[in-house]
Amino acid sequence: DARVYLERIQQLGGAIAAIESGFIQHEIHLAAYAHQQAVEDKSKL
């Protein structure tokens, strides 16, 4: 699964380009939101 992300980042032009485009930040934000939702609906205790 990490290789899939690495290939996507390489396609974007590398880590700096992926950060400047907001790709990495967006992925982190989506994961953080999903975690908070899981805590609030108690699917994650």
Full PDB file with SEQRES, HELIX, SHEET, SSBOND, CRYST1, ORIGX, SCALE, CONECT and MASTER records, all heavy atoms in Angstrom:
SEQRES   1 A   45  ASP ALA ARG VAL TYR LEU GLU ARG ILE GLN GLN LEU GLY          
SEQRES   2 A   45  GLY ALA ILE ALA ALA ILE GLU SER GLY PHE ILE GLN HIS          
SEQRES   3 A   45  GLU ILE HIS LEU ALA ALA TYR ALA HIS GLN GLN ALA VAL          
SEQRES   4 A   45  GLU ASP LYS SER LYS LEU                                      
HELIX    1 AA1 ALA A    2  LEU A   12  1                                  11    
HELIX    2 AA2 ALA A   15  GLU A   20  1                                   6    
HELIX    3 AA3 PHE A   23  GLU A   40  1                                  18    
CRYST1    1.000    1.000    1.000  90.00  90.00  90.00 P 1           1          
ORIGX1      1.000000  0.000000  0.000000        0.00000                         
ORIGX2      0.000000  1.000000  0.000000        0.00000                         
ORIGX3      0.000000  0.000000  1.000000        0.00000                         
SCALE1      1.000000  0.000000  0.000000        0.00000                         
SCALE2      0.000000  1.000000  0.000000        0.00000                         
SCALE3      0.000000  0.000000  1.000000        0.00000                         
ATOM      1  N   ASP A   1       0.826  -1.210   0.000  1.00  0.00           N  
ATOM      2  CA  ASP A   1       0.000   0.000   0.000  1.00  0.00           C  
ATOM      3  C   ASP A   1       0.864   1.265   0.000  1.00  0.00           C  
ATOM      4  O   ASP A   1       0.512   2.273  -0.627  1.00  0.00           O  
ATOM      5  CB  ASP A   1      -0.931  -0.003   1.210  1.00  0.00           C  
ATOM      6  CG  ASP A   1      -1.999  -1.085   1.124  1.00  0.00           C  
ATOM      7  OD1 ASP A   1      -2.154  -1.687   0.034  1.00  0.00           O  
ATOM      8  OD2 ASP A   1      -2.669  -1.344   2.148  1.00  0.00           O  
ATOM      9  N   ALA A   2       1.993   1.209   0.683  1.00  0.00           N  
ATOM     10  CA  ALA A   2       2.894   2.362   0.683  1.00  0.00           C  
ATOM     11  C   ALA A   2       3.498   2.576  -0.703  1.00  0.00           C  
ATOM     12  O   ALA A   2       3.681   3.718  -1.144  1.00  0.00           O  
ATOM     13  CB  ALA A   2       3.997   2.162   1.718  1.00  0.00           C  
ATOM     14  N   ARG A   3       3.789   1.508  -1.408  1.00  0.00           N  
ATOM     15  CA  ARG A   3       4.326   1.631  -2.764  1.00  0.00           C  
ATOM     16  C   ARG A   3       3.330   2.325  -3.693  1.00  0.00           C  
ATOM     17  O   ARG A   3       3.735   3.101  -4.574  1.00  0.00           O  
ATOM     18  CB  ARG A   3       4.686   0.258  -3.323  1.00  0.00           C  
ATOM     19  CG  ARG A   3       6.019  -0.293  -2.822  1.00  0.00           C  
ATOM     20  CD  ARG A   3       6.394  -1.558  -3.553  1.00  0.00           C  
ATOM     21  NE  ARG A   3       7.678  -2.085  -3.114  1.00  0.00           N  
ATOM     22  CZ  ARG A   3       8.855  -1.693  -3.568  1.00  0.00           C  
ATOM     23  NH1 ARG A   3       8.911  -0.735  -4.496  1.00  0.00           N  
ATOM     24  NH2 ARG A   3       9.984  -2.235  -3.131  1.00  0.00           N  
ATOM     25  N   VAL A   4       2.044   2.069  -3.493  1.00  0.00           N  
ATOM     26  CA  VAL A   4       1.032   2.737  -4.313  1.00  0.00           C  
ATOM     27  C   VAL A   4       1.110   4.248  -4.103  1.00  0.00           C  
ATOM     28  O   VAL A   4       1.076   5.033  -5.064  1.00  0.00           O  
ATOM     29  CB  VAL A   4      -0.385   2.206  -3.968  1.00  0.00           C  
ATOM     30  CG1 VAL A   4      -1.454   3.031  -4.676  1.00  0.00           C  
ATOM     31  CG2 VAL A   4      -0.509   0.732  -4.363  1.00  0.00           C  
ATOM     32  N   TYR A   5       1.220   4.669  -2.849  1.00  0.00           N  
ATOM     33  CA  TYR A   5       1.369   6.098  -2.557  1.00  0.00           C  
ATOM     34  C   TYR A   5       2.660   6.651  -3.150  1.00  0.00           C  
ATOM     35  O   TYR A   5       2.675   7.752  -3.724  1.00  0.00           O  
ATOM     36  CB  TYR A   5       1.372   6.326  -1.044  1.00  0.00           C  
ATOM     37  CG  TYR A   5       0.026   6.658  -0.454  1.00  0.00           C  
ATOM     38  CD1 TYR A   5      -0.583   5.807   0.457  1.00  0.00           C  
ATOM     39  CD2 TYR A   5      -0.637   7.845  -0.795  1.00  0.00           C  
ATOM     40  CE1 TYR A   5      -1.818   6.114   1.013  1.00  0.00           C  
ATOM     41  CE2 TYR A   5      -1.875   8.160  -0.250  1.00  0.00           C  
ATOM     42  CZ  TYR A   5      -2.459   7.288   0.658  1.00  0.00           C  
ATOM     43  OH  TYR A   5      -3.683   7.594   1.200  1.00  0.00           O  
ATOM     44  N   LEU A   6       3.742   5.912  -3.017  1.00  0.00           N  
ATOM     45  CA  LEU A   6       5.028   6.382  -3.531  1.00  0.00           C  
ATOM     46  C   LEU A   6       5.002   6.555  -5.045  1.00  0.00           C  
ATOM     47  O   LEU A   6       5.575   7.509  -5.583  1.00  0.00           O  
ATOM     48  CB  LEU A   6       6.140   5.410  -3.121  1.00  0.00           C  
ATOM     49  CG  LEU A   6       6.550   5.471  -1.640  1.00  0.00           C  
ATOM     50  CD1 LEU A   6       7.366   4.245  -1.257  1.00  0.00           C  
ATOM     51  CD2 LEU A   6       7.333   6.740  -1.348  1.00  0.00           C  
ATOM     52  N   GLU A   7       4.330   5.661  -5.717  1.00  0.00           N  
ATOM     53  CA  GLU A   7       4.199   5.794  -7.177  1.00  0.00           C  
ATOM     54  C   GLU A   7       3.382   7.025  -7.533  1.00  0.00           C  
ATOM     55  O   GLU A   7       3.697   7.750  -8.486  1.00  0.00           O  
ATOM     56  CB  GLU A   7       3.567   4.522  -7.750  1.00  0.00           C  
ATOM     57  CG  GLU A   7       4.505   3.313  -7.714  1.00  0.00           C  
ATOM     58  CD  GLU A   7       3.801   2.015  -8.034  1.00  0.00           C  
ATOM     59  OE1 GLU A   7       2.587   2.067  -8.396  1.00  0.00           O  
ATOM     60  OE2 GLU A   7       4.431   0.939  -7.912  1.00  0.00           O  
ATOM     61  N   ARG A   8       2.311   7.283  -6.768  1.00  0.00           N  
ATOM     62  CA  ARG A   8       1.486   8.466  -7.012  1.00  0.00           C  
ATOM     63  C   ARG A   8       2.301   9.746  -6.779  1.00  0.00           C  
ATOM     64  O   ARG A   8       2.235  10.704  -7.577  1.00  0.00           O  
ATOM     65  CB  ARG A   8       0.265   8.443  -6.095  1.00  0.00           C  
ATOM     66  CG  ARG A   8      -0.626   9.680  -6.212  1.00  0.00           C  
ATOM     67  CD  ARG A   8      -1.353   9.740  -7.543  1.00  0.00           C  
ATOM     68  NE  ARG A   8      -2.065  10.991  -7.716  1.00  0.00           N  
ATOM     69  CZ  ARG A   8      -3.272  11.264  -7.181  1.00  0.00           C  
ATOM     70  NH1 ARG A   8      -3.896  10.346  -6.451  1.00  0.00           N  
ATOM     71  NH2 ARG A   8      -3.855  12.421  -7.394  1.00  0.00           N  
ATOM     72  N   ILE A   9       3.081   9.757  -5.705  1.00  0.00           N  
ATOM     73  CA  ILE A   9       3.900  10.926  -5.400  1.00  0.00           C  
ATOM     74  C   ILE A   9       4.954  11.135  -6.487  1.00  0.00           C  
ATOM     75  O   ILE A   9       5.216  12.267  -6.895  1.00  0.00           O  
ATOM     76  CB  ILE A   9       4.541  10.765  -4.008  1.00  0.00           C  
ATOM     77  CG1 ILE A   9       3.448  10.872  -2.927  1.00  0.00           C  
ATOM     78  CG2 ILE A   9       5.635  11.810  -3.770  1.00  0.00           C  
ATOM     79  CD1 ILE A   9       3.905  10.463  -1.547  1.00  0.00           C  
ATOM     80  N   GLN A  10       5.524  10.061  -6.982  1.00  0.00           N  
ATOM     81  CA  GLN A  10       6.504  10.176  -8.057  1.00  0.00           C  
ATOM     82  C   GLN A  10       5.865  10.742  -9.324  1.00  0.00           C  
ATOM     83  O   GLN A  10       6.459  11.563 -10.028  1.00  0.00           O  
ATOM     84  CB  GLN A  10       7.134   8.815  -8.347  1.00  0.00           C  
ATOM     85  CG  GLN A  10       8.343   8.884  -9.273  1.00  0.00           C  
ATOM     86  CD  GLN A  10       9.067   7.554  -9.376  1.00  0.00           C  
ATOM     87  OE1 GLN A  10       8.562   6.513  -8.988  1.00  0.00           O  
ATOM     88  NE2 GLN A  10      10.287   7.586  -9.901  1.00  0.00           N  
ATOM     89  N   GLN A  11       4.630  10.320  -9.597  1.00  0.00           N  
ATOM     90  CA  GLN A  11       3.909  10.839 -10.762  1.00  0.00           C  
ATOM     91  C   GLN A  11       3.641  12.334 -10.625  1.00  0.00           C  
ATOM     92  O   GLN A  11       3.624  13.070 -11.624  1.00  0.00           O  
ATOM     93  CB  GLN A  11       2.583  10.090 -10.935  1.00  0.00           C  
ATOM     94  CG  GLN A  11       2.738   8.641 -11.377  1.00  0.00           C  
ATOM     95  CD  GLN A  11       1.443   7.858 -11.283  1.00  0.00           C  
ATOM     96  OE1 GLN A  11       0.392   8.405 -10.884  1.00  0.00           O  
ATOM     97  NE2 GLN A  11       1.479   6.585 -11.622  1.00  0.00           N  
ATOM     98  N   LEU A  12       3.458  12.799  -9.392  1.00  0.00           N  
ATOM     99  CA  LEU A  12       3.222  14.225  -9.147  1.00  0.00           C  
ATOM    100  C   LEU A  12       4.503  15.046  -9.240  1.00  0.00           C  
ATOM    101  O   LEU A  12       4.459  16.276  -9.242  1.00  0.00           O  
ATOM    102  CB  LEU A  12       2.592  14.417  -7.764  1.00  0.00           C  
ATOM    103  CG  LEU A  12       1.140  13.920  -7.604  1.00  0.00           C  
ATOM    104  CD1 LEU A  12       0.731  13.936  -6.138  1.00  0.00           C  
ATOM    105  CD2 LEU A  12       0.191  14.769  -8.440  1.00  0.00           C  
ATOM    106  N   GLY A  13       5.646  14.361  -9.291  1.00  0.00           N  
ATOM    107  CA  GLY A  13       6.916  15.067  -9.391  1.00  0.00           C  
ATOM    108  C   GLY A  13       7.780  14.971  -8.156  1.00  0.00           C  
ATOM    109  O   GLY A  13       8.771  15.697  -8.029  1.00  0.00           O  
ATOM    110  N   GLY A  14       7.414  14.099  -7.211  1.00  0.00           N  
ATOM    111  CA  GLY A  14       8.188  13.929  -5.992  1.00  0.00           C  
ATOM    112  C   GLY A  14       7.537  14.573  -4.789  1.00  0.00           C  
ATOM    113  O   GLY A  14       6.481  15.202  -4.883  1.00  0.00           O  
ATOM    114  N   ALA A  15       8.181  14.413  -3.627  1.00  0.00           N  
ATOM    115  CA  ALA A  15       7.584  14.859  -2.370  1.00  0.00           C  
ATOM    116  C   ALA A  15       7.325  16.354  -2.333  1.00  0.00           C  
ATOM    117  O   ALA A  15       6.270  16.804  -1.851  1.00  0.00           O  
ATOM    118  CB  ALA A  15       8.471  14.445  -1.202  1.00  0.00           C  
ATOM    119  N   ILE A  16       8.275  17.157  -2.815  1.00  0.00           N  
ATOM    120  CA  ILE A  16       8.085  18.608  -2.755  1.00  0.00           C  
ATOM    121  C   ILE A  16       6.882  19.029  -3.590  1.00  0.00           C  
ATOM    122  O   ILE A  16       6.037  19.816  -3.141  1.00  0.00           O  
ATOM    123  CB  ILE A  16       9.362  19.333  -3.225  1.00  0.00           C  
ATOM    124  CG1 ILE A  16      10.534  19.000  -2.295  1.00  0.00           C  
ATOM    125  CG2 ILE A  16       9.138  20.844  -3.261  1.00  0.00           C  
ATOM    126  CD1 ILE A  16      11.860  19.544  -2.758  1.00  0.00           C  
ATOM    127  N   ALA A  17       6.773  18.488  -4.799  1.00  0.00           N  
ATOM    128  CA  ALA A  17       5.623  18.814  -5.652  1.00  0.00           C  
ATOM    129  C   ALA A  17       4.327  18.314  -5.029  1.00  0.00           C  
ATOM    130  O   ALA A  17       3.290  18.991  -5.108  1.00  0.00           O  
ATOM    131  CB  ALA A  17       5.818  18.200  -7.038  1.00  0.00           C  
ATOM    132  N   ALA A  18       4.358  17.149  -4.401  1.00  0.00           N  
ATOM    133  CA  ALA A  18       3.155  16.598  -3.770  1.00  0.00           C  
ATOM    134  C   ALA A  18       2.711  17.456  -2.587  1.00  0.00           C  
ATOM    135  O   ALA A  18       1.505  17.584  -2.317  1.00  0.00           O  
ATOM    136  CB  ALA A  18       3.416  15.166  -3.321  1.00  0.00           C  
ATOM    137  N   ILE A  19       3.680  18.056  -1.876  1.00  0.00           N  
ATOM    138  CA  ILE A  19       3.343  18.963  -0.776  1.00  0.00           C  
ATOM    139  C   ILE A  19       2.824  20.291  -1.318  1.00  0.00           C  
ATOM    140  O   ILE A  19       1.813  20.824  -0.847  1.00  0.00           O  
ATOM    141  CB  ILE A  19       4.567  19.168   0.131  1.00  0.00           C  
ATOM    142  CG1 ILE A  19       4.885  17.887   0.899  1.00  0.00           C  
ATOM    143  CG2 ILE A  19       4.332  20.328   1.102  1.00  0.00           C  
ATOM    144  CD1 ILE A  19       6.224  17.905   1.612  1.00  0.00           C  
ATOM    145  N   GLU A  20       3.511  20.829  -2.320  1.00  0.00           N  
ATOM    146  CA  GLU A  20       3.109  22.125  -2.873  1.00  0.00           C  
ATOM    147  C   GLU A  20       1.725  22.054  -3.516  1.00  0.00           C  
ATOM    148  O   GLU A  20       0.978  23.046  -3.505  1.00  0.00           O  
ATOM    149  CB  GLU A  20       4.151  22.596  -3.884  1.00  0.00           C  
ATOM    150  CG  GLU A  20       5.462  23.008  -3.236  1.00  0.00           C  
ATOM    151  CD  GLU A  20       6.508  23.453  -4.244  1.00  0.00           C  
ATOM    152  OE1 GLU A  20       6.485  22.951  -5.388  1.00  0.00           O  
ATOM    153  OE2 GLU A  20       7.337  24.320  -3.881  1.00  0.00           O  
ATOM    154  N   SER A  21       1.366  20.908  -4.052  1.00  0.00           N  
ATOM    155  CA  SER A  21       0.036  20.749  -4.652  1.00  0.00           C  
ATOM    156  C   SER A  21      -1.041  20.496  -3.606  1.00  0.00           C  
ATOM    157  O   SER A  21      -2.237  20.560  -3.907  1.00  0.00           O  
ATOM    158  CB  SER A  21       0.045  19.585  -5.649  1.00  0.00           C  
ATOM    159  OG  SER A  21       0.157  18.339  -4.971  1.00  0.00           O  
ATOM    160  N   GLY A  22      -0.629  20.199  -2.371  1.00  0.00           N  
ATOM    161  CA  GLY A  22      -1.571  19.912  -1.298  1.00  0.00           C  
ATOM    162  C   GLY A  22      -1.992  18.467  -1.223  1.00  0.00           C  
ATOM    163  O   GLY A  22      -2.817  18.102  -0.370  1.00  0.00           O  
ATOM    164  N   PHE A  23      -1.423  17.601  -2.066  1.00  0.00           N  
ATOM    165  CA  PHE A  23      -1.842  16.206  -2.091  1.00  0.00           C  
ATOM    166  C   PHE A  23      -1.616  15.523  -0.748  1.00  0.00           C  
ATOM    167  O   PHE A  23      -2.524  14.886  -0.190  1.00  0.00           O  
ATOM    168  CB  PHE A  23      -1.097  15.442  -3.195  1.00  0.00           C  
ATOM    169  CG  PHE A  23      -1.306  13.948  -3.134  1.00  0.00           C  
ATOM    170  CD1 PHE A  23      -2.512  13.382  -3.527  1.00  0.00           C  
ATOM    171  CD2 PHE A  23      -0.290  13.112  -2.661  1.00  0.00           C  
ATOM    172  CE1 PHE A  23      -2.709  12.000  -3.459  1.00  0.00           C  
ATOM    173  CE2 PHE A  23      -0.478  11.740  -2.587  1.00  0.00           C  
ATOM    174  CZ  PHE A  23      -1.692  11.183  -2.988  1.00  0.00           C  
ATOM    175  N   ILE A  24      -0.408  15.638  -0.210  1.00  0.00           N  
ATOM    176  CA  ILE A  24      -0.106  14.946   1.049  1.00  0.00           C  
ATOM    177  C   ILE A  24      -0.944  15.510   2.189  1.00  0.00           C  
ATOM    178  O   ILE A  24      -1.514  14.755   2.996  1.00  0.00           O  
ATOM    179  CB  ILE A  24       1.404  15.037   1.347  1.00  0.00           C  
ATOM    180  CG1 ILE A  24       2.175  14.159   0.347  1.00  0.00           C  
ATOM    181  CG2 ILE A  24       1.706  14.619   2.785  1.00  0.00           C  
ATOM    182  CD1 ILE A  24       3.677  14.201   0.500  1.00  0.00           C  
ATOM    183  N   GLN A  25      -1.061  16.833   2.251  1.00  0.00           N  
ATOM    184  CA  GLN A  25      -1.876  17.433   3.314  1.00  0.00           C  
ATOM    185  C   GLN A  25      -3.321  16.961   3.228  1.00  0.00           C  
ATOM    186  O   GLN A  25      -3.956  16.666   4.249  1.00  0.00           O  
ATOM    187  CB  GLN A  25      -1.829  18.967   3.209  1.00  0.00           C  
ATOM    188  CG  GLN A  25      -0.450  19.569   3.409  1.00  0.00           C  
ATOM    189  CD  GLN A  25       0.298  19.798   2.114  1.00  0.00           C  
ATOM    190  OE1 GLN A  25       0.391  18.900   1.275  1.00  0.00           O  
ATOM    191  NE2 GLN A  25       0.798  21.011   1.922  1.00  0.00           N  
ATOM    192  N   HIS A  26      -3.849  16.893   2.019  1.00  0.00           N  
ATOM    193  CA  HIS A  26      -5.242  16.475   1.835  1.00  0.00           C  
ATOM    194  C   HIS A  26      -5.447  15.038   2.299  1.00  0.00           C  
ATOM    195  O   HIS A  26      -6.450  14.722   2.972  1.00  0.00           O  
ATOM    196  CB  HIS A  26      -5.631  16.616   0.359  1.00  0.00           C  
ATOM    197  CG  HIS A  26      -7.064  16.286   0.084  1.00  0.00           C  
ATOM    198  ND1 HIS A  26      -8.118  17.010   0.613  1.00  0.00           N  
ATOM    199  CD2 HIS A  26      -7.634  15.299  -0.682  1.00  0.00           C  
ATOM    200  CE1 HIS A  26      -9.270  16.502   0.195  1.00  0.00           C  
ATOM    201  NE2 HIS A  26      -9.002  15.458  -0.582  1.00  0.00           N  
ATOM    202  N   GLU A  27      -4.519  14.168   1.975  1.00  0.00           N  
ATOM    203  CA  GLU A  27      -4.615  12.778   2.405  1.00  0.00           C  
ATOM    204  C   GLU A  27      -4.574  12.665   3.926  1.00  0.00           C  
ATOM    205  O   GLU A  27      -5.319  11.877   4.526  1.00  0.00           O  
ATOM    206  CB  GLU A  27      -3.482  11.956   1.779  1.00  0.00           C  
ATOM    207  CG  GLU A  27      -3.600  11.765   0.279  1.00  0.00           C  
ATOM    208  CD  GLU A  27      -4.826  10.951  -0.109  1.00  0.00           C  
ATOM    209  OE1 GLU A  27      -4.952   9.810   0.387  1.00  0.00           O  
ATOM    210  OE2 GLU A  27      -5.660  11.457  -0.878  1.00  0.00           O  
ATOM    211  N   ILE A  28      -3.714  13.454   4.562  1.00  0.00           N  
ATOM    212  CA  ILE A  28      -3.645  13.443   6.022  1.00  0.00           C  
ATOM    213  C   ILE A  28      -4.953  13.946   6.623  1.00  0.00           C  
ATOM    214  O   ILE A  28      -5.492  13.373   7.582  1.00  0.00           O  
ATOM    215  CB  ILE A  28      -2.452  14.288   6.513  1.00  0.00           C  
ATOM    216  CG1 ILE A  28      -1.126  13.655   6.077  1.00  0.00           C  
ATOM    217  CG2 ILE A  28      -2.483  14.436   8.038  1.00  0.00           C  
ATOM    218  CD1 ILE A  28       0.091  14.504   6.352  1.00  0.00           C  
ATOM    219  N   HIS A  29      -5.498  15.022   6.046  1.00  0.00           N  
ATOM    220  CA  HIS A  29      -6.746  15.594   6.570  1.00  0.00           C  
ATOM    221  C   HIS A  29      -7.898  14.603   6.459  1.00  0.00           C  
ATOM    222  O   HIS A  29      -8.708  14.481   7.386  1.00  0.00           O  
ATOM    223  CB  HIS A  29      -7.090  16.883   5.814  1.00  0.00           C  
ATOM    224  CG  HIS A  29      -6.095  17.978   6.007  1.00  0.00           C  
ATOM    225  ND1 HIS A  29      -6.009  19.078   5.179  1.00  0.00           N  
ATOM    226  CD2 HIS A  29      -5.116  18.151   6.934  1.00  0.00           C  
ATOM    227  CE1 HIS A  29      -5.042  19.860   5.593  1.00  0.00           C  
ATOM    228  NE2 HIS A  29      -4.488  19.324   6.646  1.00  0.00           N  
ATOM    229  N   LEU A  30      -7.981  13.896   5.348  1.00  0.00           N  
ATOM    230  CA  LEU A  30      -9.043  12.900   5.169  1.00  0.00           C  
ATOM    231  C   LEU A  30      -8.926  11.787   6.206  1.00  0.00           C  
ATOM    232  O   LEU A  30      -9.927  11.349   6.788  1.00  0.00           O  
ATOM    233  CB  LEU A  30      -8.989  12.311   3.762  1.00  0.00           C  
ATOM    234  CG  LEU A  30      -9.417  13.223   2.609  1.00  0.00           C  
ATOM    235  CD1 LEU A  30      -9.240  12.501   1.273  1.00  0.00           C  
ATOM    236  CD2 LEU A  30     -10.867  13.678   2.783  1.00  0.00           C  
ATOM    237  N   ALA A  31      -7.695  11.331   6.456  1.00  0.00           N  
ATOM    238  CA  ALA A  31      -7.496  10.266   7.431  1.00  0.00           C  
ATOM    239  C   ALA A  31      -7.833  10.738   8.842  1.00  0.00           C  
ATOM    240  O   ALA A  31      -8.446  10.004   9.626  1.00  0.00           O  
ATOM    241  CB  ALA A  31      -6.045   9.773   7.369  1.00  0.00           C  
ATOM    242  N   ALA A  32      -7.450  11.972   9.164  1.00  0.00           N  
ATOM    243  CA  ALA A  32      -7.742  12.518  10.490  1.00  0.00           C  
ATOM    244  C   ALA A  32      -9.246  12.659  10.701  1.00  0.00           C  
ATOM    245  O   ALA A  32      -9.775  12.351  11.779  1.00  0.00           O  
ATOM    246  CB  ALA A  32      -7.054  13.874  10.661  1.00  0.00           C  
ATOM    247  N   TYR A  33      -9.944  13.109   9.659  1.00  0.00           N  
ATOM    248  CA  TYR A  33     -11.392  13.255   9.744  1.00  0.00           C  
ATOM    249  C   TYR A  33     -12.073  11.907   9.938  1.00  0.00           C  
ATOM    250  O   TYR A  33     -12.988  11.760  10.758  1.00  0.00           O  
ATOM    251  CB  TYR A  33     -11.918  13.939   8.485  1.00  0.00           C  
ATOM    252  CG  TYR A  33     -13.420  14.162   8.477  1.00  0.00           C  
ATOM    253  CD1 TYR A  33     -13.995  15.129   9.293  1.00  0.00           C  
ATOM    254  CD2 TYR A  33     -14.244  13.410   7.652  1.00  0.00           C  
ATOM    255  CE1 TYR A  33     -15.373  15.335   9.293  1.00  0.00           C  
ATOM    256  CE2 TYR A  33     -15.615  13.606   7.639  1.00  0.00           C  
ATOM    257  CZ  TYR A  33     -16.174  14.564   8.467  1.00  0.00           C  
ATOM    258  OH  TYR A  33     -17.541  14.766   8.467  1.00  0.00           O  
ATOM    259  N   ALA A  34     -11.609  10.906   9.207  1.00  0.00           N  
ATOM    260  CA  ALA A  34     -12.195   9.568   9.326  1.00  0.00           C  
ATOM    261  C   ALA A  34     -11.989   9.012  10.733  1.00  0.00           C  
ATOM    262  O   ALA A  34     -12.895   8.389  11.302  1.00  0.00           O  
ATOM    263  CB  ALA A  34     -11.567   8.634   8.289  1.00  0.00           C  
ATOM    264  N   HIS A  35     -10.818   9.255  11.293  1.00  0.00           N  
ATOM    265  CA  HIS A  35     -10.552   8.785  12.656  1.00  0.00           C  
ATOM    266  C   HIS A  35     -11.475   9.471  13.661  1.00  0.00           C  
ATOM    267  O   HIS A  35     -12.055   8.815  14.540  1.00  0.00           O  
ATOM    268  CB  HIS A  35      -9.096   9.055  13.033  1.00  0.00           C  
ATOM    269  CG  HIS A  35      -8.812   8.830  14.492  1.00  0.00           C  
ATOM    270  ND1 HIS A  35      -8.629   7.582  15.036  1.00  0.00           N  
ATOM    271  CD2 HIS A  35      -8.699   9.706  15.537  1.00  0.00           C  
ATOM    272  CE1 HIS A  35      -8.417   7.682  16.338  1.00  0.00           C  
ATOM    273  NE2 HIS A  35      -8.450   8.972  16.667  1.00  0.00           N  
ATOM    274  N   GLN A  36     -11.630  10.793  13.527  1.00  0.00           N  
ATOM    275  CA  GLN A  36     -12.481  11.516  14.466  1.00  0.00           C  
ATOM    276  C   GLN A  36     -13.936  11.067  14.362  1.00  0.00           C  
ATOM    277  O   GLN A  36     -14.630  10.923  15.369  1.00  0.00           O  
ATOM    278  CB  GLN A  36     -12.370  13.023  14.229  1.00  0.00           C  
ATOM    279  CG  GLN A  36     -13.113  13.866  15.254  1.00  0.00           C  
ATOM    280  CD  GLN A  36     -12.619  13.641  16.674  1.00  0.00           C  
ATOM    281  OE1 GLN A  36     -11.431  13.403  16.892  1.00  0.00           O  
ATOM    282  NE2 GLN A  36     -13.525  13.695  17.638  1.00  0.00           N  
ATOM    283  N   GLN A  37     -14.379  10.831  13.145  1.00  0.00           N  
ATOM    284  CA  GLN A  37     -15.747  10.317  12.960  1.00  0.00           C  
ATOM    285  C   GLN A  37     -15.918   8.967  13.655  1.00  0.00           C  
ATOM    286  O   GLN A  37     -16.947   8.699  14.276  1.00  0.00           O  
ATOM    287  CB  GLN A  37     -16.022  10.171  11.462  1.00  0.00           C  
ATOM    288  CG  GLN A  37     -16.191  11.495  10.730  1.00  0.00           C  
ATOM    289  CD  GLN A  37     -17.624  11.692  10.244  1.00  0.00           C  
ATOM    290  OE1 GLN A  37     -18.286  10.753   9.906  1.00  0.00           O  
ATOM    291  NE2 GLN A  37     -18.082  12.912  10.217  1.00  0.00           N  
ATOM    292  N   ALA A  38     -14.894   8.116  13.532  1.00  0.00           N  
ATOM    293  CA  ALA A  38     -14.976   6.789  14.144  1.00  0.00           C  
ATOM    294  C   ALA A  38     -15.027   6.885  15.666  1.00  0.00           C  
ATOM    295  O   ALA A  38     -15.729   6.095  16.320  1.00  0.00           O  
ATOM    296  CB  ALA A  38     -13.769   5.948  13.705  1.00  0.00           C  
ATOM    297  N   VAL A  39     -14.309   7.841  16.237  1.00  0.00           N  
ATOM    298  CA  VAL A  39     -14.369   8.042  17.689  1.00  0.00           C  
ATOM    299  C   VAL A  39     -15.750   8.550  18.091  1.00  0.00           C  
ATOM    300  O   VAL A  39     -16.335   8.100  19.086  1.00  0.00           O  
ATOM    301  CB  VAL A  39     -13.267   9.023  18.152  1.00  0.00           C  
ATOM    302  CG1 VAL A  39     -13.455   9.398  19.618  1.00  0.00           C  
ATOM    303  CG2 VAL A  39     -11.892   8.405  17.935  1.00  0.00           C  
ATOM    304  N   GLU A  40     -16.284   9.468  17.298  1.00  0.00           N  
ATOM    305  CA  GLU A  40     -17.573  10.065  17.660  1.00  0.00           C  
ATOM    306  C   GLU A  40     -18.733   9.096  17.493  1.00  0.00           C  
ATOM    307  O   GLU A  40     -19.689   9.133  18.283  1.00  0.00           O  
ATOM    308  CB  GLU A  40     -17.799  11.331  16.834  1.00  0.00           C  
ATOM    309  CG  GLU A  40     -16.818  12.446  17.228  1.00  0.00           C  
ATOM    310  CD  GLU A  40     -17.073  13.748  16.499  1.00  0.00           C  
ATOM    311  OE1 GLU A  40     -18.113  13.863  15.820  1.00  0.00           O  
ATOM    312  OE2 GLU A  40     -16.225  14.662  16.610  1.00  0.00           O  
ATOM    313  N   ASP A  41     -18.663   8.206  16.490  1.00  0.00           N  
ATOM    314  CA  ASP A  41     -19.763   7.240  16.352  1.00  0.00           C  
ATOM    315  C   ASP A  41     -19.490   5.938  17.108  1.00  0.00           C  
ATOM    316  O   ASP A  41     -20.244   4.975  17.023  1.00  0.00           O  
ATOM    317  CB  ASP A  41     -20.073   6.954  14.875  1.00  0.00           C  
ATOM    318  CG  ASP A  41     -18.949   6.228  14.144  1.00  0.00           C  
ATOM    319  OD1 ASP A  41     -18.126   5.552  14.785  1.00  0.00           O  
ATOM    320  OD2 ASP A  41     -18.905   6.321  12.895  1.00  0.00           O  
ATOM    321  N   LYS A  42     -18.372   5.920  17.830  1.00  0.00           N  
ATOM    322  CA  LYS A  42     -17.969   4.819  18.708  1.00  0.00           C  
ATOM    323  C   LYS A  42     -17.646   3.521  17.968  1.00  0.00           C  
ATOM    324  O   LYS A  42     -17.622   2.449  18.571  1.00  0.00           O  
ATOM    325  CB  LYS A  42     -19.035   4.560  19.782  1.00  0.00           C  
ATOM    326  CG  LYS A  42     -19.225   5.719  20.747  1.00  0.00           C  
ATOM    327  CD  LYS A  42     -20.099   5.341  21.929  1.00  0.00           C  
ATOM    328  CE  LYS A  42     -20.219   6.500  22.901  1.00  0.00           C  
ATOM    329  NZ  LYS A  42     -21.027   6.131  24.092  1.00  0.00           N  
ATOM    330  N   SER A  43     -17.382   3.615  16.688  1.00  0.00           N  
ATOM    331  CA  SER A  43     -16.865   2.432  16.011  1.00  0.00           C  
ATOM    332  C   SER A  43     -15.397   2.218  16.378  1.00  0.00           C  
ATOM    333  O   SER A  43     -14.841   1.137  16.177  1.00  0.00           O  
ATOM    334  CB  SER A  43     -17.019   2.555  14.487  1.00  0.00           C  
ATOM    335  OG  SER A  43     -16.353   3.705  14.002  1.00  0.00           O  
ATOM    336  N   LYS A  44     -14.757   3.252  16.902  1.00  0.00           N  
ATOM    337  CA  LYS A  44     -13.412   3.143  17.486  1.00  0.00           C  
ATOM    338  C   LYS A  44     -13.523   3.595  18.932  1.00  0.00           C  
ATOM    339  O   LYS A  44     -13.890   4.746  19.209  1.00  0.00           O  
ATOM    340  CB  LYS A  44     -12.412   4.013  16.716  1.00  0.00           C  
ATOM    341  CG  LYS A  44     -10.971   3.872  17.212  1.00  0.00           C  
ATOM    342  CD  LYS A  44     -10.036   4.781  16.449  1.00  0.00           C  
ATOM    343  CE  LYS A  44      -9.862   4.331  15.013  1.00  0.00           C  
ATOM    344  NZ  LYS A  44      -9.094   3.060  14.919  1.00  0.00           N  
ATOM    345  N   LEU A  45     -13.209   2.705  19.860  1.00  0.00           N  
ATOM    346  CA  LEU A  45     -13.373   3.002  21.276  1.00  0.00           C  
ATOM    347  C   LEU A  45     -12.082   3.556  21.874  1.00  0.00           C  
ATOM    348  O   LEU A  45     -10.989   3.057  21.592  1.00  0.00           O  
ATOM    349  CB  LEU A  45     -13.796   1.743  22.035  1.00  0.00           C  
ATOM    350  CG  LEU A  45     -15.151   1.136  21.652  1.00  0.00           C  
ATOM    351  CD1 LEU A  45     -15.437  -0.105  22.488  1.00  0.00           C  
ATOM    352  CD2 LEU A  45     -16.276   2.157  21.802  1.00  0.00           C  
TER     353      LEU A  45                                                      
MASTER        0    0    0    3    0    0    0    6  352    1    0    4          
END                                                                             
